[in-house]
Structures are given as structure tokens and as C-alpha cells.
Amino acid sequence: MNAPLDHRETAANYRAVITRKGKYRVILCRDGIQWILQRKKGRDDRPWEGFGYYTTRAALMRDWERLHGQIPPEIASLPDRVRGYADGKTV
């Protein structure tokens, strides 16, 4: 059984995860005003930690590519600015 989705951005089961690869993931912040690049440090039971904050897809793609080399479709298909994404999302 899956745990219910959580409103806390640092939670493993946060409700607005866009993509995840290994110890990194991208989320939409709970206010819908920015995308956040997060990393998991240490044990799996530790909270996710934000280290990059973006309002444009181009900036998010630049930093994701530095980490992984390839942009996943979930990021590539985001609108140019977070406002276009967040307007249609309930966080």
C-alpha cells in the first residue's frame, strides 16, 4: 500500500514531484511559484534538501544537464516559465 501524498516539500512522498533520478528530483513548490531541484543526502530516511530554485525551464534544464547530461521528457515538456505550469496545477 502506498503512503498518502504529503504537502511537505522535503517529504519522500511529496505530492508535486515532477521527476526523479537517483538522489536528485525536481518538484513544484507548494505555492506554485518555482521549481525546486532537490537532493537526498545520507540515509534514505533523511529529508530532501533544496539547492536550486527556478522560475524558468531554461535555467532548470541547464543545472539538471550539469548533473545528468540528459534532460528527461518531464522537464523538457515544462512551459518556459513556472507560472504557465502552476496555473493549471493544484499543489
PDB file of N, CA and C in Angstrom:
ATOM      1  N   MET A   1       0.837  -1.186   0.000  1.00  0.00           N
ATOM      2  CA  MET A   1       0.000   0.000   0.000  1.00  0.00           C
ATOM      3  C   MET A   1       0.881   1.248   0.000  1.00  0.00           C
ATOM      4  N   ASN A   2       0.554   2.203  -0.835  1.00  0.00           N
ATOM      5  CA  ASN A   2       1.321   3.442  -0.931  1.00  0.00           C
ATOM      6  C   ASN A   2       0.916   4.405   0.168  1.00  0.00           C
ATOM      7  N   ALA A   3       1.919   5.155   0.659  1.00  0.00           N
ATOM      8  CA  ALA A   3       1.638   6.193   1.651  1.00  0.00           C
ATOM      9  C   ALA A   3       0.888   7.328   0.962  1.00  0.00           C
ATOM     10  N   PRO A   4       0.010   8.027   1.675  1.00  0.00           N
ATOM     11  CA  PRO A   4      -0.683   9.163   1.066  1.00  0.00           C
ATOM     12  C   PRO A   4       0.309  10.263   0.687  1.00  0.00           C
ATOM     13  N   LEU A   5      -0.047  11.044  -0.305  1.00  0.00           N
ATOM     14  CA  LEU A   5       0.817  12.137  -0.737  1.00  0.00           C
ATOM     15  C   LEU A   5       0.880  13.204   0.349  1.00  0.00           C
ATOM     16  N   ASP A   6       2.036  13.823   0.455  1.00  0.00           N
ATOM     17  CA  ASP A   6       2.338  14.749   1.543  1.00  0.00           C
ATOM     18  C   ASP A   6       2.463  16.174   1.008  1.00  0.00           C
ATOM     19  N   HIS A   7       2.094  17.162   1.804  1.00  0.00           N
ATOM     20  CA  HIS A   7       2.217  18.574   1.415  1.00  0.00           C
ATOM     21  C   HIS A   7       3.590  19.156   1.734  1.00  0.00           C
ATOM     22  N   ARG A   8       4.414  18.445   2.499  1.00  0.00           N
ATOM     23  CA  ARG A   8       5.745  18.949   2.874  1.00  0.00           C
ATOM     24  C   ARG A   8       6.739  18.710   1.742  1.00  0.00           C
ATOM     25  N   GLU A   9       7.396  19.764   1.286  1.00  0.00           N
ATOM     26  CA  GLU A   9       8.319  19.676   0.157  1.00  0.00           C
ATOM     27  C   GLU A   9       9.490  18.734   0.406  1.00  0.00           C
ATOM     28  N   THR A  10       9.875  18.536   1.648  1.00  0.00           N
ATOM     29  CA  THR A  10      11.021  17.682   1.962  1.00  0.00           C
ATOM     30  C   THR A  10      10.635  16.209   2.124  1.00  0.00           C
ATOM     31  N   ALA A  11       9.356  15.897   2.062  1.00  0.00           N
ATOM     32  CA  ALA A  11       8.881  14.534   2.270  1.00  0.00           C
ATOM     33  C   ALA A  11       9.166  13.651   1.053  1.00  0.00           C
ATOM     34  N   ALA A  12       9.424  12.384   1.304  1.00  0.00           N
ATOM     35  CA  ALA A  12       9.675  11.420   0.228  1.00  0.00           C
ATOM     36  C   ALA A  12       8.465  11.283  -0.686  1.00  0.00           C
ATOM     37  N   ASN A  13       7.283  11.414  -0.130  1.00  0.00           N
ATOM     38  CA  ASN A  13       6.045  11.251  -0.895  1.00  0.00           C
ATOM     39  C   ASN A  13       5.352  12.600  -1.151  1.00  0.00           C
ATOM     40  N   TYR A  14       6.165  13.646  -1.375  1.00  0.00           N
ATOM     41  CA  TYR A  14       5.622  14.978  -1.685  1.00  0.00           C
ATOM     42  C   TYR A  14       4.715  14.895  -2.911  1.00  0.00           C
ATOM     43  N   ARG A  15       3.626  15.607  -2.892  1.00  0.00           N
ATOM     44  CA  ARG A  15       2.583  15.458  -3.905  1.00  0.00           C
ATOM     45  C   ARG A  15       2.878  16.116  -5.249  1.00  0.00           C
ATOM     46  N   ALA A  16       3.922  16.925  -5.370  1.00  0.00           N
ATOM     47  CA  ALA A  16       4.181  17.619  -6.640  1.00  0.00           C
ATOM     48  C   ALA A  16       5.592  17.339  -7.168  1.00  0.00           C
ATOM     49  N   VAL A  17       5.979  16.062  -7.197  1.00  0.00           N
ATOM     50  CA  VAL A  17       7.267  15.670  -7.774  1.00  0.00           C
ATOM     51  C   VAL A  17       7.091  15.604  -9.289  1.00  0.00           C
ATOM     52  N   ILE A  18       7.986  16.267 -10.010  1.00  0.00           N
ATOM     53  CA  ILE A  18       7.924  16.274 -11.472  1.00  0.00           C
ATOM     54  C   ILE A  18       8.742  15.128 -12.040  1.00  0.00           C
ATOM     55  N   THR A  19       9.957  14.940 -11.541  1.00  0.00           N
ATOM     56  CA  THR A  19      10.804  13.834 -11.975  1.00  0.00           C
ATOM     57  C   THR A  19      11.831  13.535 -10.894  1.00  0.00           C
ATOM     58  N   ARG A  20      12.376  12.323 -10.952  1.00  0.00           N
ATOM     59  CA  ARG A  20      13.405  11.911 -10.002  1.00  0.00           C
ATOM     60  C   ARG A  20      14.397  11.002 -10.703  1.00  0.00           C
ATOM     61  N   LYS A  21      15.671  11.199 -10.401  1.00  0.00           N
ATOM     62  CA  LYS A  21      16.725  10.320 -10.902  1.00  0.00           C
ATOM     63  C   LYS A  21      17.764  10.173  -9.802  1.00  0.00           C
ATOM     64  N   GLY A  22      17.860   8.954  -9.267  1.00  0.00           N
ATOM     65  CA  GLY A  22      18.822   8.689  -8.204  1.00  0.00           C
ATOM     66  C   GLY A  22      18.568   9.558  -6.992  1.00  0.00           C
ATOM     67  N   LYS A  23      19.603  10.283  -6.584  1.00  0.00           N
ATOM     68  CA  LYS A  23      19.475  11.116  -5.383  1.00  0.00           C
ATOM     69  C   LYS A  23      19.007  12.540  -5.680  1.00  0.00           C
ATOM     70  N   TYR A  24      18.531  12.797  -6.912  1.00  0.00           N
ATOM     71  CA  TYR A  24      18.045  14.120  -7.299  1.00  0.00           C
ATOM     72  C   TYR A  24      16.595  14.044  -7.756  1.00  0.00           C
ATOM     73  N   ARG A  25      15.852  15.117  -7.526  1.00  0.00           N
ATOM     74  CA  ARG A  25      14.495  15.220  -8.039  1.00  0.00           C
ATOM     75  C   ARG A  25      14.143  16.684  -8.246  1.00  0.00           C
ATOM     76  N   VAL A  26      13.097  16.912  -9.045  1.00  0.00           N
ATOM     77  CA  VAL A  26      12.564  18.248  -9.289  1.00  0.00           C
ATOM     78  C   VAL A  26      11.120  18.246  -8.812  1.00  0.00           C
ATOM     79  N   ILE A  27      10.754  19.282  -8.060  1.00  0.00           N
ATOM     80  CA  ILE A  27       9.386  19.426  -7.574  1.00  0.00           C
ATOM     81  C   ILE A  27       8.857  20.805  -7.941  1.00  0.00           C
ATOM     82  N   LEU A  28       7.545  20.940  -7.904  1.00  0.00           N
ATOM     83  CA  LEU A  28       6.900  22.244  -7.955  1.00  0.00           C
ATOM     84  C   LEU A  28       6.680  22.658  -6.506  1.00  0.00           C
ATOM     85  N   CYS A  29       7.118  23.846  -6.130  1.00  0.00           N
ATOM     86  CA  CYS A  29       6.953  24.267  -4.738  1.00  0.00           C
ATOM     87  C   CYS A  29       5.472  24.323  -4.377  1.00  0.00           C
ATOM     88  N   ARG A  30       5.179  24.258  -3.102  1.00  0.00           N
ATOM     89  CA  ARG A  30       3.781  24.185  -2.656  1.00  0.00           C
ATOM     90  C   ARG A  30       2.974  25.436  -2.998  1.00  0.00           C
ATOM     91  N   ASP A  31       3.654  26.573  -3.223  1.00  0.00           N
ATOM     92  CA  ASP A  31       2.961  27.797  -3.614  1.00  0.00           C
ATOM     93  C   ASP A  31       2.826  27.933  -5.131  1.00  0.00           C
ATOM     94  N   GLY A  32       3.440  27.003  -5.869  1.00  0.00           N
ATOM     95  CA  GLY A  32       3.341  27.025  -7.325  1.00  0.00           C
ATOM     96  C   GLY A  32       4.092  28.146  -8.005  1.00  0.00           C
ATOM     97  N   ILE A  33       5.105  28.720  -7.341  1.00  0.00           N
ATOM     98  CA  ILE A  33       5.812  29.865  -7.917  1.00  0.00           C
ATOM     99  C   ILE A  33       7.209  29.528  -8.430  1.00  0.00           C
ATOM    100  N   GLN A  34       7.707  28.315  -8.154  1.00  0.00           N
ATOM    101  CA  GLN A  34       9.035  27.935  -8.623  1.00  0.00           C
ATOM    102  C   GLN A  34       9.178  26.417  -8.646  1.00  0.00           C
ATOM    103  N   TRP A  35      10.105  25.977  -9.499  1.00  0.00           N
ATOM    104  CA  TRP A  35      10.526  24.585  -9.468  1.00  0.00           C
ATOM    105  C   TRP A  35      11.743  24.514  -8.567  1.00  0.00           C
ATOM    106  N   ILE A  36      11.881  23.429  -7.840  1.00  0.00           N
ATOM    107  CA  ILE A  36      12.999  23.264  -6.910  1.00  0.00           C
ATOM    108  C   ILE A  36      13.748  21.990  -7.261  1.00  0.00           C
ATOM    109  N   LEU A  37      15.057  22.110  -7.412  1.00  0.00           N
ATOM    110  CA  LEU A  37      15.929  20.962  -7.601  1.00  0.00           C
ATOM    111  C   LEU A  37      16.378  20.524  -6.209  1.00  0.00           C
ATOM    112  N   GLN A  38      16.140  19.268  -5.884  1.00  0.00           N
ATOM    113  CA  GLN A  38      16.454  18.755  -4.553  1.00  0.00           C
ATOM    114  C   GLN A  38      17.411  17.576  -4.638  1.00  0.00           C
ATOM    115  N   ARG A  39      18.114  17.334  -3.538  1.00  0.00           N
ATOM    116  CA  ARG A  39      18.985  16.156  -3.443  1.00  0.00           C
ATOM    117  C   ARG A  39      18.731  15.464  -2.124  1.00  0.00           C
ATOM    118  N   LYS A  40      19.034  14.193  -2.122  1.00  0.00           N
ATOM    119  CA  LYS A  40      18.925  13.368  -0.917  1.00  0.00           C
ATOM    120  C   LYS A  40      20.341  13.159  -0.412  1.00  0.00           C
ATOM    121  N   LYS A  41      20.588  13.561   0.811  1.00  0.00           N
ATOM    122  CA  LYS A  41      21.914  13.382   1.419  1.00  0.00           C
ATOM    123  C   LYS A  41      21.835  12.313   2.489  1.00  0.00           C
ATOM    124  N   GLY A  42      22.777  11.409   2.472  1.00  0.00           N
ATOM    125  CA  GLY A  42      22.835  10.401   3.528  1.00  0.00           C
ATOM    126  C   GLY A  42      21.789   9.315   3.368  1.00  0.00           C
ATOM    127  N   ARG A  43      21.269   8.862   4.484  1.00  0.00           N
ATOM    128  CA  ARG A  43      20.323   7.742   4.522  1.00  0.00           C
ATOM    129  C   ARG A  43      19.014   8.073   3.823  1.00  0.00           C
ATOM    130  N   ASP A  44      18.307   7.025   3.430  1.00  0.00           N
ATOM    131  CA  ASP A  44      17.030   7.210   2.744  1.00  0.00           C
ATOM    132  C   ASP A  44      15.970   7.861   3.616  1.00  0.00           C
ATOM    133  N   ASP A  45      16.102   7.743   4.929  1.00  0.00           N
ATOM    134  CA  ASP A  45      15.077   8.327   5.804  1.00  0.00           C
ATOM    135  C   ASP A  45      15.303   9.819   6.061  1.00  0.00           C
ATOM    136  N   ARG A  46      16.362  10.375   5.508  1.00  0.00           N
ATOM    137  CA  ARG A  46      16.636  11.811   5.658  1.00  0.00           C
ATOM    138  C   ARG A  46      15.723  12.603   4.712  1.00  0.00           C
ATOM    139  N   PRO A  47      15.385  13.852   5.056  1.00  0.00           N
ATOM    140  CA  PRO A  47      14.518  14.654   4.175  1.00  0.00           C
ATOM    141  C   PRO A  47      15.249  15.103   2.906  1.00  0.00           C
ATOM    142  N   TRP A  48      14.476  15.421   1.885  1.00  0.00           N
ATOM    143  CA  TRP A  48      15.022  16.002   0.667  1.00  0.00           C
ATOM    144  C   TRP A  48      15.432  17.436   0.956  1.00  0.00           C
ATOM    145  N   GLU A  49      16.513  17.878   0.318  1.00  0.00           N
ATOM    146  CA  GLU A  49      17.062  19.215   0.550  1.00  0.00           C
ATOM    147  C   GLU A  49      17.101  19.997  -0.754  1.00  0.00           C
ATOM    148  N   GLY A  50      16.508  21.175  -0.777  1.00  0.00           N
ATOM    149  CA  GLY A  50      16.523  22.022  -1.962  1.00  0.00           C
ATOM    150  C   GLY A  50      17.857  22.724  -2.122  1.00  0.00           C
ATOM    151  N   PHE A  51      18.362  22.789  -3.366  1.00  0.00           N
ATOM    152  CA  PHE A  51      19.610  23.516  -3.609  1.00  0.00           C
ATOM    153  C   PHE A  51      19.582  24.326  -4.899  1.00  0.00           C
ATOM    154  N   GLY A  52      18.493  24.269  -5.623  1.00  0.00           N
ATOM    155  CA  GLY A  52      18.333  25.078  -6.827  1.00  0.00           C
ATOM    156  C   GLY A  52      16.875  25.497  -6.948  1.00  0.00           C
ATOM    157  N   TYR A  53      16.639  26.760  -7.252  1.00  0.00           N
ATOM    158  CA  TYR A  53      15.287  27.324  -7.298  1.00  0.00           C
ATOM    159  C   TYR A  53      15.120  28.058  -8.624  1.00  0.00           C
ATOM    160  N   TYR A  54      14.059  27.725  -9.371  1.00  0.00           N
ATOM    161  CA  TYR A  54      13.945  28.184 -10.754  1.00  0.00           C
ATOM    162  C   TYR A  54      12.544  28.677 -11.080  1.00  0.00           C
ATOM    163  N   THR A  55      12.501  29.722 -11.890  1.00  0.00           N
ATOM    164  CA  THR A  55      11.229  30.179 -12.438  1.00  0.00           C
ATOM    165  C   THR A  55      11.202  29.984 -13.955  1.00  0.00           C
ATOM    166  N   THR A  56      12.347  29.622 -14.559  1.00  0.00           N
ATOM    167  CA  THR A  56      12.390  29.359 -15.994  1.00  0.00           C
ATOM    168  C   THR A  56      12.867  27.935 -16.259  1.00  0.00           C
ATOM    169  N   ARG A  57      12.297  27.335 -17.306  1.00  0.00           N
ATOM    170  CA  ARG A  57      12.701  25.987 -17.709  1.00  0.00           C
ATOM    171  C   ARG A  57      14.160  25.968 -18.152  1.00  0.00           C
ATOM    172  N   ALA A  58      14.609  27.007 -18.849  1.00  0.00           N
ATOM    173  CA  ALA A  58      15.982  27.043 -19.361  1.00  0.00           C
ATOM    174  C   ALA A  58      17.005  26.920 -18.229  1.00  0.00           C
ATOM    175  N   ALA A  59      16.797  27.640 -17.146  1.00  0.00           N
ATOM    176  CA  ALA A  59      17.730  27.576 -16.010  1.00  0.00           C
ATOM    177  C   ALA A  59      17.687  26.202 -15.348  1.00  0.00           C
ATOM    178  N   LEU A  60      16.498  25.643 -15.179  1.00  0.00           N
ATOM    179  CA  LEU A  60      16.363  24.307 -14.601  1.00  0.00           C
ATOM    180  C   LEU A  60      17.049  23.275 -15.488  1.00  0.00           C
ATOM    181  N   MET A  61      16.840  23.351 -16.789  1.00  0.00           N
ATOM    182  CA  MET A  61      17.460  22.408 -17.718  1.00  0.00           C
ATOM    183  C   MET A  61      18.984  22.517 -17.679  1.00  0.00           C
ATOM    184  N   ARG A  62      19.504  23.719 -17.606  1.00  0.00           N
ATOM    185  CA  ARG A  62      20.959  23.926 -17.546  1.00  0.00           C
ATOM    186  C   ARG A  62      21.557  23.195 -16.357  1.00  0.00           C
ATOM    187  N   ASP A  63      20.960  23.363 -15.171  1.00  0.00           N
ATOM    188  CA  ASP A  63      21.523  22.730 -13.980  1.00  0.00           C
ATOM    189  C   ASP A  63      21.286  21.224 -13.951  1.00  0.00           C
ATOM    190  N   TRP A  64      20.124  20.758 -14.434  1.00  0.00           N
ATOM    191  CA  TRP A  64      19.874  19.318 -14.493  1.00  0.00           C
ATOM    192  C   TRP A  64      20.880  18.648 -15.439  1.00  0.00           C
ATOM    193  N   GLU A  65      21.148  19.306 -16.570  1.00  0.00           N
ATOM    194  CA  GLU A  65      22.083  18.742 -17.542  1.00  0.00           C
ATOM    195  C   GLU A  65      23.495  18.647 -16.966  1.00  0.00           C
ATOM    196  N   ARG A  66      23.882  19.591 -16.145  1.00  0.00           N
ATOM    197  CA  ARG A  66      25.196  19.516 -15.479  1.00  0.00           C
ATOM    198  C   ARG A  66      25.293  18.287 -14.579  1.00  0.00           C
ATOM    199  N   LEU A  67      24.182  17.920 -13.969  1.00  0.00           N
ATOM    200  CA  LEU A  67      24.170  16.769 -13.069  1.00  0.00           C
ATOM    201  C   LEU A  67      24.074  15.441 -13.812  1.00  0.00           C
ATOM    202  N   HIS A  68      23.248  15.388 -14.870  1.00  0.00           N
ATOM    203  CA  HIS A  68      22.910  14.112 -15.503  1.00  0.00           C
ATOM    204  C   HIS A  68      23.241  14.013 -16.982  1.00  0.00           C
ATOM    205  N   GLY A  69      23.465  15.123 -17.651  1.00  0.00           N
ATOM    206  CA  GLY A  69      23.805  15.068 -19.064  1.00  0.00           C
ATOM    207  C   GLY A  69      22.618  14.957 -19.998  1.00  0.00           C
ATOM    208  N   GLN A  70      21.527  14.390 -19.557  1.00  0.00           N
ATOM    209  CA  GLN A  70      20.356  14.232 -20.407  1.00  0.00           C
ATOM    210  C   GLN A  70      19.128  14.797 -19.705  1.00  0.00           C
ATOM    211  N   ILE A  71      18.317  15.519 -20.459  1.00  0.00           N
ATOM    212  CA  ILE A  71      17.111  16.140 -19.915  1.00  0.00           C
ATOM    213  C   ILE A  71      15.950  15.159 -20.061  1.00  0.00           C
ATOM    214  N   PRO A  72      15.278  14.804 -18.961  1.00  0.00           N
ATOM    215  CA  PRO A  72      14.132  13.899 -19.087  1.00  0.00           C
ATOM    216  C   PRO A  72      12.944  14.615 -19.724  1.00  0.00           C
ATOM    217  N   PRO A  73      12.047  13.859 -20.371  1.00  0.00           N
ATOM    218  CA  PRO A  73      10.894  14.485 -21.023  1.00  0.00           C
ATOM    219  C   PRO A  73      10.013  15.280 -20.065  1.00  0.00           C
ATOM    220  N   GLU A  74       9.957  14.887 -18.801  1.00  0.00           N
ATOM    221  CA  GLU A  74       9.133  15.609 -17.823  1.00  0.00           C
ATOM    222  C   GLU A  74       9.613  17.049 -17.636  1.00  0.00           C
ATOM    223  N   ILE A  75      10.916  17.271 -17.766  1.00  0.00           N
ATOM    224  CA  ILE A  75      11.462  18.630 -17.661  1.00  0.00           C
ATOM    225  C   ILE A  75      11.391  19.334 -19.013  1.00  0.00           C
ATOM    226  N   ALA A  76      11.748  18.634 -20.070  1.00  0.00           N
ATOM    227  CA  ALA A  76      11.746  19.226 -21.412  1.00  0.00           C
ATOM    228  C   ALA A  76      10.362  19.727 -21.815  1.00  0.00           C
ATOM    229  N   SER A  77       9.325  19.085 -21.311  1.00  0.00           N
ATOM    230  CA  SER A  77       7.964  19.472 -21.696  1.00  0.00           C
ATOM    231  C   SER A  77       7.346  20.539 -20.792  1.00  0.00           C
ATOM    232  N   LEU A  78       8.076  21.009 -19.794  1.00  0.00           N
ATOM    233  CA  LEU A  78       7.570  22.090 -18.952  1.00  0.00           C
ATOM    234  C   LEU A  78       7.442  23.371 -19.771  1.00  0.00           C
ATOM    235  N   PRO A  79       6.556  24.275 -19.383  1.00  0.00           N
ATOM    236  CA  PRO A  79       6.473  25.562 -20.088  1.00  0.00           C
ATOM    237  C   PRO A  79       7.721  26.410 -19.816  1.00  0.00           C
ATOM    238  N   ASP A  80       7.896  27.462 -20.597  1.00  0.00           N
ATOM    239  CA  ASP A  80       9.079  28.324 -20.452  1.00  0.00           C
ATOM    240  C   ASP A  80       9.214  28.899 -19.047  1.00  0.00           C
ATOM    241  N   ARG A  81       8.096  29.231 -18.445  1.00  0.00           N
ATOM    242  CA  ARG A  81       8.095  29.824 -17.094  1.00  0.00           C
ATOM    243  C   ARG A  81       7.178  29.024 -16.190  1.00  0.00           C
ATOM    244  N   VAL A  82       7.507  28.993 -14.920  1.00  0.00           N
ATOM    245  CA  VAL A  82       6.746  28.184 -13.970  1.00  0.00           C
ATOM    246  C   VAL A  82       5.294  28.633 -13.872  1.00  0.00           C
ATOM    247  N   ARG A  83       5.018  29.878 -14.085  1.00  0.00           N
ATOM    248  CA  ARG A  83       3.636  30.372 -13.977  1.00  0.00           C
ATOM    249  C   ARG A  83       2.702  29.634 -14.932  1.00  0.00           C
ATOM    250  N   GLY A  84       3.196  29.335 -16.128  1.00  0.00           N
ATOM    251  CA  GLY A  84       2.380  28.603 -17.085  1.00  0.00           C
ATOM    252  C   GLY A  84       2.082  27.188 -16.636  1.00  0.00           C
ATOM    253  N   TYR A  85       2.960  26.609 -15.852  1.00  0.00           N
ATOM    254  CA  TYR A  85       2.778  25.261 -15.326  1.00  0.00           C
ATOM    255  C   TYR A  85       1.879  25.297 -14.108  1.00  0.00           C
ATOM    256  N   ALA A  86       2.198  26.193 -13.187  1.00  0.00           N
ATOM    257  CA  ALA A  86       1.487  26.242 -11.911  1.00  0.00           C
ATOM    258  C   ALA A  86       0.043  26.666 -12.071  1.00  0.00           C
ATOM    259  N   ASP A  87      -0.275  27.465 -13.067  1.00  0.00           N
ATOM    260  CA  ASP A  87      -1.647  27.938 -13.240  1.00  0.00           C
ATOM    261  C   ASP A  87      -2.625  26.788 -13.433  1.00  0.00           C
ATOM    262  N   GLY A  88      -2.146  25.688 -14.016  1.00  0.00           N
ATOM    263  CA  GLY A  88      -3.016  24.550 -14.241  1.00  0.00           C
ATOM    264  C   GLY A  88      -2.879  23.450 -13.207  1.00  0.00           C
ATOM    265  N   LYS A  89      -2.077  23.657 -12.175  1.00  0.00           N
ATOM    266  CA  LYS A  89      -1.823  22.635 -11.168  1.00  0.00           C
ATOM    267  C   LYS A  89      -2.409  23.019  -9.815  1.00  0.00           C
ATOM    268  N   THR A  90      -2.849  22.022  -9.103  1.00  0.00           N
ATOM    269  CA  THR A  90      -3.242  22.214  -7.719  1.00  0.00           C
ATOM    270  C   THR A  90      -2.177  21.549  -6.869  1.00  0.00           C
ATOM    271  N   VAL A  91      -1.547  22.314  -6.034  1.00  0.00           N
ATOM    272  CA  VAL A  91      -0.440  21.784  -5.220  1.00  0.00           C
ATOM    273  C   VAL A  91      -0.897  21.605  -3.805  1.00  0.00           C
TER     274      VAL A  91
END
